[in-house]
């Protein structure tokens, strides 16, 4: 097969967070439903929200969602360059699923010129088995000061000879200027790849934008491929990166817990709301662990921002994953959250830590080789009698298993099926590991630890709360409610992807976009 002629289309943005990832996911589902073999691709991504692939590497979580939308297994070639911001040593550079190095911004700028061959190699791998490749850019091609070493936007489009659609976000304002301005900043050579644009997140009467399309066409000759009106179901899909946590309402979709109580009472229910507090760590990683919990109607998931206190009336404090455990642990203490968490535990509350959060719950975290930055040690919260040493190879694997033994001490039943993935540095050991509570495939002993009082749990398994039976049982235990739960998180995500595809079918010129993709190589 001549991969140079495989249909492909690239969506680049007028800026970050204009909705490229979600549009690509929706288009993947829409074209896959038409019977096409669709493959998502993103040359370079920057996110600590990573996914473990079916071929044993890691990619951005957004590309994993897009693969799911397309109905295909994940592979490292869907996102050949992944940058994972750390603390004082810059970003970890992951190439084709494996860690290459850590580099500061200026060093990476020099390095990425050498990564383009790997990017093209991965793109060709994806194209060999596809009827259509949908490519997502990063940031904006308007950052022309970085064009010389670009591999994420026009640098890739030129190298792979892929037509480009520009995505503008009207919700943030100035969309006409952002499209016309981006076009104006591009070189003549780069403009040859830019074929049209899409307006995203439009609210109100679409007909009012009719004259704007004329203005854009007169100014730069670009064709409109449609206006995607604001889709209310965006919160149902996992977010790409930590930008989502900065926005009010990503998880607190109701104004407060009382609103949930009132909703339950209006429907004749008991009105018991389970409140879960999650400290917003600066280098939070794999926070999609929160999505299944937030999707439950009787859960009030509160992301605690810097300067806020952890509420005294919460049922559970959840410490999420972190790309830099020791740095985030120090930040947690600076915010006084350690005092809040210890007080919560003394009041009888539950605490759970996943991955980096699990490491923070122990007595000490040691980094003798400076894996995360400056070598040293940091005292943990001391809620689990374990210690972590940041040494050895990175653990990166998908796995299945069950909850095990009576060590869960009434919080969970034995034998509940779980599945997920591990993606971490470090090994954790100590007396509380005797109460390991997840028997996972490939491990000689159960993963995790539980405190002697049974109210503090930690483990390395991401994706745990996406397992319906586990989530239902855990929430029932900490909330004191043993009523049946029927929610299915995976079914909800797939239904949302179908809704998104339906939405884009009505808003965008999908036939025109497909014809544009087919024009590649002609």
Protein backbone atom coordinates (compact mmCIF):
# COMPACT_ATOMS: atom_id res chain seq x y z
CA UNK A 1 0.00 0.00 0.00
CA UNK A 2 1.18 3.51 -0.84
CA UNK A 3 0.72 5.24 2.52
CA UNK A 4 1.26 8.61 0.84
CA UNK A 5 -2.18 8.32 -0.73
CA UNK A 6 -4.14 7.11 2.32
CA UNK A 7 -6.85 9.69 3.10
CA UNK A 8 -5.89 11.88 6.05
CA UNK A 9 -7.05 15.15 7.54
CA UNK A 10 -5.47 17.28 10.25
CA UNK A 11 -7.33 19.51 12.71
CA UNK A 12 -5.20 22.36 14.02
CA UNK A 13 -6.40 25.01 16.45
CA UNK A 14 -6.26 28.77 16.65
CA UNK A 15 -5.14 28.15 20.23
CA UNK A 16 -5.02 25.53 22.96
CA UNK A 17 -8.23 24.04 24.33
CA UNK A 18 -10.40 25.00 21.36
CA UNK A 19 -11.92 21.51 21.30
CA UNK A 20 -9.69 19.68 18.80
CA UNK A 21 -9.52 16.48 20.85
CA UNK A 22 -13.28 16.20 21.22
CA UNK A 23 -13.93 17.01 17.57
CA UNK A 24 -11.49 14.31 16.47
CA UNK A 25 -13.15 11.82 18.84
CA UNK A 26 -16.58 12.66 17.45
CA UNK A 27 -15.36 12.42 13.86
CA UNK A 28 -13.68 9.08 14.61
CA UNK A 29 -16.99 7.69 15.80
CA UNK A 30 -18.99 9.25 12.97
CA UNK A 31 -16.76 7.95 10.18
CA UNK A 32 -16.32 4.56 11.86
CA UNK A 33 -20.11 4.20 11.89
CA UNK A 34 -19.97 4.71 8.12
CA UNK A 35 -17.85 1.57 7.86
CA UNK A 36 -14.45 3.22 7.49
CA UNK A 37 -11.32 1.95 9.22
CA UNK A 38 -10.46 5.14 11.11
CA UNK A 39 -7.24 5.74 13.04
CA UNK A 40 -6.54 8.74 15.30
CA UNK A 41 -3.09 10.31 15.38
CA UNK A 42 -1.43 13.13 17.29
CA UNK A 43 2.25 13.79 16.50
CA UNK A 44 3.05 15.48 19.81
CA UNK A 45 1.01 15.79 22.96
CA UNK A 46 1.71 17.40 26.33
CA UNK A 47 -0.26 15.83 29.14
CA UNK A 48 0.16 13.92 32.37
CA UNK A 49 -3.15 12.21 31.70
CA UNK A 50 -1.69 9.17 29.97
CA UNK A 51 -3.07 5.80 28.95
CA UNK A 52 -1.31 2.46 28.75
CA UNK A 53 -1.65 1.03 25.26
CA UNK A 54 -2.49 -2.47 24.13
CA UNK A 55 1.07 -2.85 22.84
CA UNK A 56 2.60 -1.93 26.21
CA UNK A 57 3.54 1.75 25.96
CA UNK A 58 1.88 5.03 26.88
CA UNK A 59 0.07 7.73 24.92
CA UNK A 60 -2.09 10.73 25.75
CA UNK A 61 -5.46 9.85 27.24
CA UNK A 62 -7.21 11.83 24.48
CA UNK A 63 -5.82 9.51 21.80
CA UNK A 64 -7.01 6.50 23.81
CA UNK A 65 -10.51 7.98 23.82
CA UNK A 66 -10.29 8.64 20.09
CA UNK A 67 -9.22 5.04 19.50
CA UNK A 68 -12.21 3.91 21.51
CA UNK A 69 -14.43 6.14 19.38
CA UNK A 70 -12.97 4.53 16.26
CA UNK A 71 -13.42 1.05 17.74
CA UNK A 72 -9.75 0.05 17.46
CA UNK A 73 -7.05 -1.07 19.93
CA UNK A 74 -4.64 1.54 21.24
CA UNK A 75 -1.03 1.64 20.07
CA UNK A 76 1.98 3.80 20.84
CA UNK A 77 1.98 4.97 17.21
CA UNK A 78 -1.22 6.98 17.78
CA UNK A 79 0.81 9.51 19.79
CA UNK A 80 4.53 9.02 19.07
CA UNK A 81 5.76 11.97 21.16
CA UNK A 82 4.27 12.54 24.61
CA UNK A 83 5.61 15.24 26.93
CA UNK A 84 4.83 14.75 30.62
CA UNK A 85 5.61 17.88 32.71
CA UNK A 86 7.56 17.19 35.89
CA UNK A 87 8.92 19.49 38.57
CA UNK A 88 12.34 21.12 38.33
CA UNK A 89 13.71 18.84 35.60
CA UNK A 90 11.36 19.92 32.85
CA UNK A 91 9.26 17.34 31.03
CA UNK A 92 9.64 13.63 30.57
CA UNK A 93 9.91 12.88 26.84
CA UNK A 94 8.14 9.68 25.81
CA UNK A 95 8.83 8.50 22.25
CA UNK A 96 6.76 5.73 20.72
CA UNK A 97 5.55 4.72 24.15
CA UNK A 98 8.85 4.61 26.03
CA UNK A 99 10.71 7.22 28.09
CA UNK A 100 13.58 8.71 26.07
CA UNK A 101 14.83 11.42 28.41
CA UNK A 102 13.83 14.43 30.51
CA UNK A 103 14.38 17.88 29.08
CA UNK A 104 13.72 21.52 29.79
CA UNK A 105 11.91 23.58 27.16
CA UNK A 106 15.02 24.93 25.38
CA UNK A 107 16.67 21.49 25.32
CA UNK A 108 13.52 19.90 23.93
CA UNK A 109 13.31 22.56 21.22
CA UNK A 110 16.71 21.39 19.99
CA UNK A 111 15.78 17.72 20.43
CA UNK A 112 12.47 17.63 18.62
CA UNK A 113 13.97 18.24 15.17
CA UNK A 114 15.44 14.75 15.50
CA UNK A 115 12.07 13.27 16.44
CA UNK A 116 10.29 14.04 13.17
CA UNK A 117 11.45 10.76 11.52
CA UNK A 118 9.89 8.81 14.42
CA UNK A 119 6.68 10.82 14.06
CA UNK A 120 6.46 10.10 10.33
CA UNK A 121 7.29 6.44 10.95
CA UNK A 122 4.40 6.14 13.40
CA UNK A 123 2.03 7.98 11.07
CA UNK A 124 2.86 5.55 8.28
CA UNK A 125 2.26 2.62 10.63
CA UNK A 126 -1.22 3.99 11.34
CA UNK A 127 -1.93 4.72 7.69
CA UNK A 128 -1.09 1.20 6.51
CA UNK A 129 -4.21 -0.21 8.14
CA UNK A 130 -6.60 2.69 7.64
CA UNK A 131 -9.18 4.10 5.27
CA UNK A 132 -8.89 7.43 7.04
CA UNK A 133 -6.40 8.95 9.50
CA UNK A 134 -7.64 11.87 11.60
CA UNK A 135 -4.74 13.92 12.91
CA UNK A 136 -4.88 16.33 15.83
CA UNK A 137 -2.47 19.22 16.11
CA UNK A 138 -1.16 20.73 19.34
CA UNK A 139 -1.46 24.30 20.52
CA UNK A 140 -1.57 26.51 17.43
CA UNK A 141 0.32 26.93 14.14
CA UNK A 142 0.17 30.67 14.88
CA UNK A 143 3.18 30.16 17.16
CA UNK A 144 5.37 30.85 14.15
CA UNK A 145 8.36 31.65 16.34
CA UNK A 146 8.58 27.87 16.93
CA UNK A 147 7.98 26.86 13.31
CA UNK A 148 11.58 25.93 12.49
CA UNK A 149 11.52 22.84 14.71
CA UNK A 150 7.78 22.16 14.57
CA UNK A 151 6.60 18.55 14.51
CA UNK A 152 3.11 19.11 15.93
CA UNK A 153 1.35 21.35 13.41
CA UNK A 154 2.47 22.66 10.01
CA UNK A 155 5.85 20.95 10.31
CA UNK A 156 4.04 17.63 10.39
CA UNK A 157 1.45 18.62 7.76
CA UNK A 158 4.22 19.53 5.34
CA UNK A 159 6.26 16.39 6.03
CA UNK A 160 3.27 14.05 5.71
CA UNK A 161 1.47 16.11 3.04
CA UNK A 162 -1.80 16.24 4.95
CA UNK A 163 -4.51 18.90 4.34
CA UNK A 164 -5.38 21.02 7.38
CA UNK A 165 -8.63 22.34 8.84
CA UNK A 166 -8.36 25.17 11.37
CA UNK A 167 -10.58 25.00 14.48
CA UNK A 168 -11.67 28.26 16.08
CA UNK A 169 -13.37 28.53 19.49
CA UNK A 170 -16.09 31.18 19.35
CA UNK A 171 -16.93 30.67 23.02
CA UNK A 172 -13.78 32.53 24.07
CA UNK A 173 -14.41 35.44 21.66
CA UNK A 174 -12.47 36.94 18.77
CA UNK A 175 -12.90 33.91 16.54
CA UNK A 176 -12.81 35.87 13.25
CA UNK A 177 -9.55 37.53 14.24
CA UNK A 178 -8.09 34.23 15.44
CA UNK A 179 -8.75 32.52 12.10
CA UNK A 180 -7.76 35.42 9.86
CA UNK A 181 -4.78 36.23 12.09
CA UNK A 182 -3.51 32.66 12.07
CA UNK A 183 -3.77 32.56 8.28
CA UNK A 184 -1.91 35.88 8.03
CA UNK A 185 0.96 34.70 10.22
CA UNK A 186 1.60 31.51 8.27
CA UNK A 187 4.19 31.41 5.53
CA UNK A 188 3.05 31.01 1.92
CA UNK A 189 4.26 27.40 1.96
CA UNK A 190 2.30 26.57 5.12
CA UNK A 191 -0.84 28.25 3.77
CA UNK A 192 -0.91 25.71 0.95
CA UNK A 193 -1.85 23.01 3.48
CA UNK A 194 -4.59 25.08 5.14
CA UNK A 195 -7.83 24.26 3.29
CA UNK A 196 -10.64 25.50 5.51
CA UNK A 197 -11.96 25.99 9.00
CA UNK A 198 -14.56 24.89 11.54
CA UNK A 199 -16.14 27.08 14.20
CA UNK A 200 -16.55 25.28 17.51
CA UNK A 201 -18.67 25.83 20.67
CA UNK A 202 -21.19 28.20 19.08
CA UNK A 203 -24.10 29.29 21.29
CA UNK A 204 -27.27 30.91 19.99
CA UNK A 205 -28.57 31.55 16.48
CA UNK A 206 -26.11 30.14 13.92
CA UNK A 207 -27.60 32.28 11.14
CA UNK A 208 -26.08 35.35 12.81
CA UNK A 209 -22.64 34.06 11.81
CA UNK A 210 -23.47 33.97 8.07
CA UNK A 211 -21.88 37.34 7.34
CA UNK A 212 -18.77 36.30 9.30
CA UNK A 213 -18.10 33.43 6.90
CA UNK A 214 -18.12 35.96 4.06
CA UNK A 215 -15.65 38.14 5.95
CA UNK A 216 -13.30 35.20 6.54
CA UNK A 217 -13.51 34.08 2.91
CA UNK A 218 -12.77 37.59 1.65
CA UNK A 219 -9.87 38.02 4.06
CA UNK A 220 -8.10 34.71 3.51
CA UNK A 221 -10.07 32.58 1.05
CA UNK A 222 -10.78 29.78 3.51
CA UNK A 223 -13.86 27.62 3.17
CA UNK A 224 -16.16 26.91 6.11
CA UNK A 225 -16.84 23.25 6.81
CA UNK A 226 -19.48 24.02 9.39
CA UNK A 227 -20.28 25.46 12.77
CA UNK A 228 -20.31 23.03 15.68
CA UNK A 229 -22.83 24.36 18.17
CA UNK A 230 -22.10 24.02 21.87
CA UNK A 231 -22.56 20.39 22.92
CA UNK A 232 -23.97 20.02 26.41
CA UNK A 233 -22.64 16.46 26.80
CA UNK A 234 -18.96 17.42 26.87
CA UNK A 235 -18.70 16.66 30.60
CA UNK A 236 -19.61 13.02 29.91
CA UNK A 237 -16.28 12.37 28.20
CA UNK A 238 -12.85 12.18 29.86
CA UNK A 239 -10.88 15.40 29.53
CA UNK A 240 -7.49 15.52 27.82
CA UNK A 241 -5.43 17.30 30.45
CA UNK A 242 -5.38 19.40 33.60
CA UNK A 243 -6.82 22.46 31.84
CA UNK A 244 -10.25 20.92 32.46
CA UNK A 245 -9.72 21.02 36.22
CA UNK A 246 -9.13 24.76 36.07
CA UNK A 247 -12.63 25.29 34.73
CA UNK A 248 -15.50 25.65 37.13
CA UNK A 249 -18.01 22.93 36.58
CA UNK A 250 -15.91 20.08 35.13
CA UNK A 251 -16.94 17.91 38.05
CA UNK A 252 -19.25 20.11 40.15
CA UNK A 253 -22.03 20.11 37.59
CA UNK A 254 -24.55 20.97 40.32
CA UNK A 255 -24.05 24.14 42.29
CA UNK A 256 -23.41 22.31 45.55
CA UNK A 257 -24.22 19.21 47.53
CA UNK A 258 -27.51 20.64 48.73
CA UNK A 259 -28.72 20.77 45.13
CA UNK A 260 -28.10 17.06 44.88
CA UNK A 261 -29.96 16.46 48.14
CA UNK A 262 -32.93 18.44 46.84
CA UNK A 263 -32.86 16.59 43.52
CA UNK A 264 -32.99 13.27 45.35
CA UNK A 265 -35.79 14.40 47.64
CA UNK A 266 -37.84 15.67 44.69
CA UNK A 267 -37.69 12.16 43.30
CA UNK A 268 -38.76 10.52 46.53
CA UNK A 269 -35.27 9.25 47.37
CA UNK A 270 -33.47 9.26 50.69
CA UNK A 271 -31.26 12.16 49.60
CA UNK A 272 -27.97 10.72 50.91
CA UNK A 273 -25.12 12.40 49.03
CA UNK A 274 -21.58 11.02 49.18
CA UNK A 275 -19.07 13.85 49.26
CA UNK A 276 -15.61 13.15 47.88
CA UNK A 277 -12.82 15.73 48.16
CA UNK A 278 -9.86 15.66 45.77
CA UNK A 279 -6.93 18.03 46.39
CA UNK A 280 -5.90 19.64 43.09
CA UNK A 281 -2.20 18.88 42.94
CA UNK A 282 -0.08 20.97 40.52
CA UNK A 283 1.22 17.90 38.71
CA UNK A 284 -1.91 15.79 38.95
CA UNK A 285 -1.76 12.79 36.62
CA UNK A 286 -4.33 10.36 35.26
CA UNK A 287 -7.17 12.30 36.86
CA UNK A 288 -9.65 10.47 34.64
CA UNK A 289 -9.87 8.18 37.69
CA UNK A 290 -12.33 10.80 38.93
CA UNK A 291 -14.74 10.66 35.99
CA UNK A 292 -16.64 7.47 36.98
CA UNK A 293 -17.22 8.85 40.48
CA UNK A 294 -18.42 12.23 39.22
CA UNK A 295 -20.87 10.47 36.89
CA UNK A 296 -22.79 9.00 39.82
CA UNK A 297 -25.95 10.97 40.65
CA UNK A 298 -25.45 10.75 44.41
CA UNK A 299 -21.77 11.74 44.43
CA UNK A 300 -20.65 15.31 45.01
CA UNK A 301 -17.03 15.35 43.81
CA UNK A 302 -15.22 18.46 45.01
CA UNK A 303 -11.90 19.42 43.45
CA UNK A 304 -10.17 21.41 46.20
CA UNK A 305 -8.20 24.29 44.72
CA UNK A 306 -5.13 25.93 46.29
CA UNK A 307 -6.18 28.25 49.11
CA UNK A 308 -9.28 26.20 49.90
CA UNK A 309 -9.73 23.83 52.82
CA UNK A 310 -10.91 20.25 52.59
CA UNK A 311 -14.53 20.28 53.90
CA UNK A 312 -15.09 18.71 57.28
CA UNK A 313 -18.27 16.95 56.14
CA UNK A 314 -16.79 14.90 53.28
CA UNK A 315 -17.02 11.10 53.37
CA UNK A 316 -13.84 10.40 51.42
CA UNK A 317 -10.60 12.16 50.59
CA UNK A 318 -9.10 10.85 47.36
CA UNK A 319 -5.44 11.54 46.61
CA UNK A 320 -4.95 11.17 42.84
CA UNK A 321 -1.93 10.27 40.78
CA UNK A 322 0.99 12.66 40.42
CA UNK A 323 3.82 13.03 37.90
CA UNK A 324 6.07 14.32 40.71
CA UNK A 325 5.08 12.71 43.99
CA UNK A 326 7.57 14.47 46.25
CA UNK A 327 6.97 17.94 44.80
CA UNK A 328 3.20 17.52 45.04
CA UNK A 329 3.52 16.14 48.56
CA UNK A 330 5.39 19.27 49.60
CA UNK A 331 2.74 21.41 47.92
CA UNK A 332 -0.01 19.51 49.76
CA UNK A 333 1.66 20.35 53.06
CA UNK A 334 2.15 24.00 52.10
CA UNK A 335 -1.60 24.25 51.55
CA UNK A 336 -2.31 22.74 54.97
CA UNK A 337 -4.16 19.86 53.34
CA UNK A 338 -2.15 17.36 55.38
CA UNK A 339 -3.75 18.81 58.53
CA UNK A 340 -7.21 18.61 56.92
CA UNK A 341 -6.69 14.99 55.83
CA UNK A 342 -5.43 13.86 59.23
CA UNK A 343 -8.38 15.58 60.92
CA UNK A 344 -10.75 13.93 58.44
CA UNK A 345 -9.30 10.54 59.34
CA UNK A 346 -9.57 11.21 63.08
CA UNK A 347 -13.26 12.00 62.57
CA UNK A 348 -13.76 8.55 61.09
CA UNK A 349 -13.53 9.44 57.40
CA UNK A 350 -12.10 7.28 54.63
CA UNK A 351 -8.98 8.09 52.61
CA UNK A 352 -7.82 6.44 49.39
CA UNK A 353 -4.70 7.10 47.36
CA UNK A 354 -4.02 5.94 43.83
CA UNK A 355 -0.48 5.65 42.47
CA UNK A 356 1.28 8.88 43.55
CA UNK A 357 -1.49 9.46 46.07
CA UNK A 358 -0.81 6.00 47.50
CA UNK A 359 2.87 6.89 47.88
CA UNK A 360 1.96 10.10 49.73
CA UNK A 361 -0.09 8.19 52.31
CA UNK A 362 2.98 6.35 53.58
CA UNK A 363 5.58 7.34 56.15
CA UNK A 364 8.33 8.36 53.71
CA UNK A 365 9.05 8.81 50.01
CA UNK A 366 12.71 8.41 49.01
CA UNK A 367 14.29 9.47 45.71
CA UNK A 368 17.96 8.56 46.14
CA UNK A 369 18.82 8.88 42.45
CA UNK A 370 16.92 12.09 41.69
CA UNK A 371 14.37 10.39 39.43
CA UNK A 372 11.87 13.23 39.96
CA UNK A 373 14.36 16.04 40.51
CA UNK A 374 16.77 16.75 43.33
CA UNK A 375 17.70 13.58 45.24
CA UNK A 376 16.32 13.33 48.77
CA UNK A 377 13.45 12.16 50.94
CA UNK A 378 10.11 13.58 52.02
CA UNK A 379 7.94 12.60 54.96
CA UNK A 380 4.52 11.34 53.89
CA UNK A 381 1.19 11.64 55.70
CA UNK A 382 1.86 8.54 57.79
CA UNK A 383 -1.64 7.12 57.34
CA UNK A 384 -0.20 3.91 55.92
CA UNK A 385 2.74 2.09 57.45
CA UNK A 386 4.69 1.86 54.19
CA UNK A 387 7.59 3.61 52.49
CA UNK A 388 8.28 4.23 48.80
CA UNK A 389 11.63 4.26 47.02
CA UNK A 390 11.79 5.89 43.57
CA UNK A 391 14.11 3.40 41.92
CA UNK A 392 14.08 0.72 39.27
CA UNK A 393 12.35 0.63 35.93
CA UNK A 394 9.05 2.32 35.20
CA UNK A 395 6.06 0.02 35.63
CA UNK A 396 3.77 0.22 32.61
CA UNK A 397 1.08 -2.41 32.06
CA UNK A 398 -2.59 -3.19 31.71
CA UNK A 399 -3.93 -5.78 34.09
CA UNK A 400 -6.99 -7.52 35.53
CA UNK A 401 -7.70 -8.98 38.94
CA UNK A 402 -10.03 -9.20 41.93
CA UNK A 403 -10.32 -7.73 45.39
CA UNK A 404 -8.82 -10.20 47.80
CA UNK A 405 -8.99 -11.47 51.40
CA UNK A 406 -10.87 -9.97 54.32
CA UNK A 407 -8.20 -7.32 54.74
CA UNK A 408 -10.59 -4.76 53.31
CA UNK A 409 -12.27 -4.96 56.70
CA UNK A 410 -15.86 -4.44 55.71
CA UNK A 411 -15.24 -1.80 53.05
CA UNK A 412 -15.38 -4.24 50.16
CA UNK A 413 -16.32 -7.81 49.48
CA UNK A 414 -13.76 -10.31 48.24
CA UNK A 415 -13.69 -11.40 44.63
CA UNK A 416 -14.93 -8.20 42.95
CA UNK A 417 -13.50 -8.09 39.43
CA UNK A 418 -11.26 -5.11 38.63
CA UNK A 419 -9.22 -4.00 35.64
CA UNK A 420 -7.04 -1.05 34.83
CA UNK A 421 -3.43 -0.10 34.32
CA UNK A 422 -0.25 0.69 36.22
CA UNK A 423 1.98 3.59 35.18
CA UNK A 424 4.45 4.58 37.88
CA UNK A 425 7.98 4.79 39.17
CA UNK A 426 8.92 3.43 42.57
CA UNK A 427 8.25 0.46 44.80
CA UNK A 428 6.21 0.59 48.02
CA UNK A 429 6.79 -1.75 50.95
CA UNK A 430 6.03 -1.89 54.69
CA UNK A 431 3.92 -3.63 57.36
CA UNK A 432 0.57 -2.48 55.93
CA UNK A 433 1.40 -4.25 52.68
CA UNK A 434 0.36 -7.40 54.54
CA UNK A 435 -3.15 -6.14 53.86
CA UNK A 436 -2.70 -5.95 50.10
CA UNK A 437 -6.19 -5.91 48.60
CA UNK A 438 -5.92 -6.35 44.82
CA UNK A 439 -4.86 -9.71 43.41
CA UNK A 440 -3.65 -8.65 39.95
CA UNK A 441 -2.51 -10.80 37.08
CA UNK A 442 1.26 -11.04 36.88
CA UNK A 443 1.96 -10.11 40.52
CA UNK A 444 3.29 -12.54 43.12
CA UNK A 445 1.53 -10.73 45.97
CA UNK A 446 -1.55 -8.49 46.17
CA UNK A 447 -1.13 -4.84 45.26
CA UNK A 448 -1.87 -2.05 47.69
CA UNK A 449 -2.09 -1.57 51.43
CA UNK A 450 -4.77 -0.88 54.04
CA UNK A 451 -4.34 0.71 57.44
CA UNK A 452 -4.98 -1.30 60.58
CA UNK A 453 -8.29 0.51 61.16
CA UNK A 454 -9.44 -0.29 57.61
CA UNK A 455 -10.21 3.33 56.66
CA UNK A 456 -7.11 4.21 54.63
CA UNK A 457 -6.45 2.40 51.36
CA UNK A 458 -3.81 2.77 48.68
CA UNK A 459 -2.96 1.01 45.43
CA UNK A 460 -1.19 1.48 42.10
CA UNK A 461 -4.12 0.49 39.88
CA UNK A 462 -5.53 3.32 37.77
CA UNK A 463 -8.97 2.77 36.27
CA UNK A 464 -10.24 1.09 39.40
CA UNK A 465 -13.36 3.23 39.71
CA UNK A 466 -14.25 2.59 36.09
CA UNK A 467 -15.10 -0.97 37.15
CA UNK A 468 -18.81 -0.76 37.92
CA UNK A 469 -19.03 -3.48 40.57
CA UNK A 470 -16.05 -2.11 42.48
CA UNK A 471 -17.28 1.49 42.32
CA UNK A 472 -20.79 0.52 43.40
CA UNK A 473 -19.53 -1.54 46.33
CA UNK A 474 -17.03 1.04 47.48
CA UNK A 475 -19.53 3.90 47.40
CA UNK A 476 -22.12 1.83 49.22
CA UNK A 477 -19.60 1.02 51.94
CA UNK A 478 -18.30 4.54 52.58
CA UNK A 479 -21.75 6.08 52.19
CA UNK A 480 -23.55 3.63 54.44
CA UNK A 481 -25.99 2.80 51.66
CA UNK A 482 -26.34 -0.76 50.41
CA UNK A 483 -29.01 0.01 47.85
CA UNK A 484 -28.52 -1.33 44.31
CA UNK A 485 -26.70 0.76 41.72
CA UNK A 486 -27.28 0.30 38.02
CA UNK A 487 -24.88 2.78 36.42
CA UNK A 488 -22.39 1.59 33.80
CA UNK A 489 -19.54 3.99 33.20
CA UNK A 490 -18.26 2.43 29.97
CA UNK A 491 -21.75 2.30 28.50
CA UNK A 492 -22.17 5.96 29.39
CA UNK A 493 -18.95 6.94 27.60
CA UNK A 494 -19.93 5.02 24.47
CA UNK A 495 -23.39 6.57 24.51
CA UNK A 496 -21.80 10.01 24.80
CA UNK A 497 -19.52 9.31 21.83
CA UNK A 498 -22.57 8.35 19.78
CA UNK A 499 -24.31 11.55 20.87
CA UNK A 500 -21.27 13.57 19.86
CA UNK A 501 -21.10 11.87 16.46
CA UNK A 502 -24.82 12.55 15.92
CA UNK A 503 -24.24 16.17 16.87
CA UNK A 504 -21.37 16.63 14.42
CA UNK A 505 -23.37 14.96 11.63
CA UNK A 506 -25.92 17.75 11.94
CA UNK A 507 -23.43 20.61 12.34
CA UNK A 508 -20.49 19.90 10.05
CA UNK A 509 -20.00 19.01 6.40
CA UNK A 510 -18.69 15.50 7.02
CA UNK A 511 -18.93 14.55 3.35
CA UNK A 512 -16.86 17.59 2.46
CA UNK A 513 -14.28 16.80 5.14
CA UNK A 514 -13.99 13.23 3.86
CA UNK A 515 -13.48 14.42 0.29
CA UNK A 516 -10.81 16.81 1.51
CA UNK A 517 -9.05 13.93 3.28
CA UNK A 518 -9.20 11.89 0.06
CA UNK A 519 -7.54 14.72 -1.83
CA UNK A 520 -4.27 14.00 -0.03
CA UNK A 521 -1.59 12.87 -2.46
CA UNK A 522 -3.48 14.11 -5.51
